[in-house]
Amino acid sequence: MGDLILILGGAKSGKSSLALTRCREYPEPRLYLATAEARDQEMAERIARHQAERGPGWRTVEEPLDPARVLKSLEPGSASVVLLDCLTLWMSNLMTALNLNIDQVLDRCRELVTAADSAPCPIVVVSNEVGLGLVPENKLARDFRDASGLAHQKLARAAAEVLWVAAGLVQKLK
């Protein structure tokens, strides 16, 4: 059974760097489960920077809509650790590409937690905390903020460890 480690923080807080550091404690092979899609030049450049930061020793699987499927398909020994980066991008994909509502997104999050629990290795999940700012002005943005907060609660309850990152500093929450 894989342990779930949830790493939360704001944009550019240092959460992805922390996740990479934690995952490098595990031997190869390591799996990077990417939820981002290069829909424009700037995002393509971000993805390329992330790939360069990871360096060798990682196998990348791009799965913007169904990371639980990838986790369910893991065979023992296929990866010593999985880094899922990032939960909020995945949720955004579900709400925009598939037009899922909050309840449907939370159902997918439950599937993800179940898949992580039965994975043959630890699963490190990176996610953006988006609920600390202003109330968004449109319904989709409010629904996304709410779904994100509820999903974080679900993952945090299931996680063996939850870390908060702000300004490059780490606080252990669980």
Protein backbone atom coordinates (compact mmCIF):
# COMPACT_ATOMS: atom_id res chain seq x y z
CA MET A 1 0.00 0.00 0.00
CA GLY A 2 1.34 3.41 -0.93
CA ASP A 3 1.55 6.28 1.50
CA LEU A 4 -0.03 9.49 0.31
CA ILE A 5 1.98 12.68 0.91
CA LEU A 6 0.18 15.97 0.18
CA ILE A 7 2.23 19.12 -0.39
CA LEU A 8 0.23 22.36 -0.44
CA GLY A 9 1.27 25.95 -1.06
CA GLY A 10 0.76 29.03 -3.14
CA ALA A 11 2.19 29.80 -6.55
CA LYS A 12 6.01 29.77 -6.54
CA SER A 13 6.04 28.84 -2.84
CA GLY A 14 8.61 26.07 -3.31
CA LYS A 15 6.19 23.14 -3.16
CA SER A 16 7.35 21.47 -6.39
CA SER A 17 11.01 21.78 -5.35
CA LEU A 18 10.16 20.20 -1.99
CA ALA A 19 8.27 17.40 -3.74
CA LEU A 20 11.25 16.68 -6.01
CA THR A 21 13.60 16.64 -3.04
CA ARG A 22 11.34 14.21 -1.18
CA CYS A 23 10.97 11.96 -4.21
CA ARG A 24 14.73 11.87 -4.82
CA GLU A 25 15.00 10.03 -1.49
CA TYR A 26 13.59 7.03 -3.37
CA PRO A 27 15.67 5.03 -5.85
CA GLU A 28 14.96 4.93 -9.56
CA PRO A 29 12.63 4.30 -11.27
CA ARG A 30 10.54 7.33 -10.32
CA LEU A 31 7.33 8.33 -12.07
CA TYR A 32 6.27 11.92 -12.72
CA LEU A 33 2.53 12.06 -13.33
CA ALA A 34 1.91 15.34 -15.15
CA THR A 35 -1.52 16.96 -15.35
CA ALA A 36 -0.49 20.12 -17.22
CA GLU A 37 -1.00 20.62 -20.93
CA ALA A 38 1.04 22.96 -23.11
CA ARG A 39 -1.83 25.01 -24.53
CA ASP A 40 0.37 28.05 -25.18
CA GLN A 41 4.04 28.95 -25.52
CA GLU A 42 4.46 30.14 -21.94
CA MET A 43 3.06 26.88 -20.56
CA ALA A 44 5.28 24.87 -22.90
CA GLU A 45 8.27 26.76 -21.49
CA ARG A 46 7.13 26.05 -17.90
CA ILE A 47 6.81 22.36 -18.68
CA ALA A 48 10.29 22.32 -20.25
CA ARG A 49 11.75 24.01 -17.12
CA HIS A 50 10.06 21.43 -14.88
CA GLN A 51 11.46 18.60 -17.02
CA ALA A 52 14.97 20.08 -16.79
CA GLU A 53 14.63 20.47 -13.00
CA ARG A 54 13.70 16.79 -12.66
CA GLY A 55 16.68 15.62 -14.65
CA PRO A 56 17.30 11.97 -15.49
CA GLY A 57 15.87 9.15 -13.49
CA TRP A 58 12.24 10.02 -14.07
CA ARG A 59 9.68 8.49 -16.38
CA THR A 60 6.95 10.99 -17.27
CA VAL A 61 3.33 10.11 -17.93
CA GLU A 62 1.11 12.95 -19.10
CA GLU A 63 -2.45 12.43 -17.88
CA PRO A 64 -4.48 15.64 -17.69
CA LEU A 65 -7.85 13.96 -17.02
CA ASP A 66 -7.46 10.59 -15.27
CA PRO A 67 -4.41 10.21 -13.03
CA ALA A 68 -6.27 7.59 -10.96
CA ARG A 69 -6.20 5.30 -14.01
CA VAL A 70 -2.41 5.58 -14.11
CA LEU A 71 -2.10 4.86 -10.39
CA LYS A 72 -4.40 1.84 -10.70
CA SER A 73 -2.24 0.46 -13.52
CA LEU A 74 1.05 0.61 -11.58
CA GLU A 75 2.77 -2.74 -11.24
CA PRO A 76 4.99 -3.48 -8.24
CA GLY A 77 8.52 -2.34 -9.06
CA SER A 78 7.43 -0.08 -11.93
CA ALA A 79 8.11 2.99 -9.76
CA SER A 80 9.56 3.50 -6.29
CA VAL A 81 7.56 6.74 -5.93
CA VAL A 82 5.04 8.74 -7.97
CA LEU A 83 4.95 12.53 -8.05
CA LEU A 84 1.56 13.83 -9.18
CA ASP A 85 1.95 17.49 -10.16
CA CYS A 86 -0.49 19.05 -9.81
CA LEU A 87 -3.90 18.38 -8.30
CA THR A 88 -5.35 21.84 -8.96
CA LEU A 89 -4.36 21.78 -12.64
CA TRP A 90 -6.07 18.39 -12.91
CA MET A 91 -9.21 19.75 -11.25
CA SER A 92 -9.17 22.75 -13.57
CA ASN A 93 -8.94 20.35 -16.53
CA LEU A 94 -11.95 18.40 -15.24
CA MET A 95 -14.05 21.54 -14.76
CA THR A 96 -13.14 23.14 -18.09
CA ALA A 97 -12.48 20.30 -20.54
CA LEU A 98 -15.15 17.93 -19.17
CA ASN A 99 -17.45 20.55 -17.65
CA LEU A 100 -17.72 18.59 -14.39
CA ASN A 101 -19.46 20.14 -11.39
CA ILE A 102 -18.12 20.19 -7.82
CA ASP A 103 -19.72 16.88 -6.85
CA GLN A 104 -18.35 15.14 -9.93
CA VAL A 105 -14.87 16.54 -9.31
CA LEU A 106 -15.01 15.34 -5.70
CA ASP A 107 -16.06 11.89 -6.92
CA ARG A 108 -12.92 11.86 -9.08
CA CYS A 109 -10.87 12.93 -6.05
CA ARG A 110 -12.28 9.98 -4.08
CA GLU A 111 -11.22 7.69 -6.94
CA LEU A 112 -7.75 9.23 -6.83
CA VAL A 113 -7.45 8.66 -3.06
CA THR A 114 -8.58 5.04 -3.48
CA ALA A 115 -6.07 4.49 -6.29
CA ALA A 116 -3.27 6.09 -4.25
CA ASP A 117 -4.14 3.91 -1.26
CA SER A 118 -3.78 0.74 -3.29
CA ALA A 119 -0.67 1.86 -5.22
CA PRO A 120 2.47 -0.24 -4.74
CA CYS A 121 4.56 2.81 -3.84
CA PRO A 122 4.27 6.22 -2.15
CA ILE A 123 2.33 8.92 -3.99
CA VAL A 124 3.39 12.56 -3.54
CA VAL A 125 0.69 15.03 -4.59
CA VAL A 126 1.43 18.72 -5.18
CA SER A 127 -1.45 21.18 -5.08
CA ASN A 128 -2.00 24.94 -5.05
CA GLU A 129 -3.87 26.45 -2.15
CA VAL A 130 -6.23 28.87 -3.87
CA GLY A 131 -8.65 29.60 -1.04
CA LEU A 132 -6.67 32.28 0.78
CA GLY A 133 -7.47 35.22 -1.49
CA LEU A 134 -10.46 37.20 -2.56
CA VAL A 135 -13.83 35.67 -3.35
CA PRO A 136 -13.76 35.12 -7.12
CA GLU A 137 -16.17 37.20 -9.18
CA ASN A 138 -17.55 34.40 -11.37
CA LYS A 139 -19.29 31.11 -10.60
CA LEU A 140 -16.75 28.83 -12.30
CA ALA A 141 -13.90 30.37 -10.32
CA ARG A 142 -15.87 30.14 -7.05
CA ASP A 143 -16.77 26.52 -7.80
CA PHE A 144 -13.12 25.76 -8.55
CA ARG A 145 -11.97 27.39 -5.30
CA ASP A 146 -14.60 25.45 -3.34
CA ALA A 147 -13.85 22.13 -5.05
CA SER A 148 -10.15 22.66 -4.43
CA GLY A 149 -10.64 23.29 -0.72
CA LEU A 150 -12.92 20.27 -0.34
CA ALA A 151 -10.53 18.06 -2.31
CA HIS A 152 -7.62 19.17 -0.13
CA GLN A 153 -9.61 18.16 2.94
CA LYS A 154 -10.27 14.69 1.46
CA LEU A 155 -6.65 14.15 0.52
CA ALA A 156 -5.38 15.51 3.83
CA ARG A 157 -7.57 13.07 5.77
CA ALA A 158 -6.24 10.17 3.71
CA ALA A 159 -2.62 11.33 3.68
CA ALA A 160 0.11 9.94 5.89
CA GLU A 161 1.79 13.35 5.74
CA VAL A 162 0.65 16.86 4.81
CA LEU A 163 3.13 19.69 4.29
CA TRP A 164 2.49 23.41 3.80
CA VAL A 165 5.05 25.48 1.89
CA ALA A 166 5.21 29.29 1.97
CA ALA A 167 8.18 31.45 0.89
CA GLY A 168 10.26 28.29 0.54
CA LEU A 169 9.67 27.36 4.18
CA VAL A 170 8.01 24.08 5.13
CA GLN A 171 5.48 23.54 7.88
CA LYS A 172 4.39 20.01 8.73
CA LEU A 173 0.59 19.96 9.17
CA LYS A 174 0.23 16.22 9.62
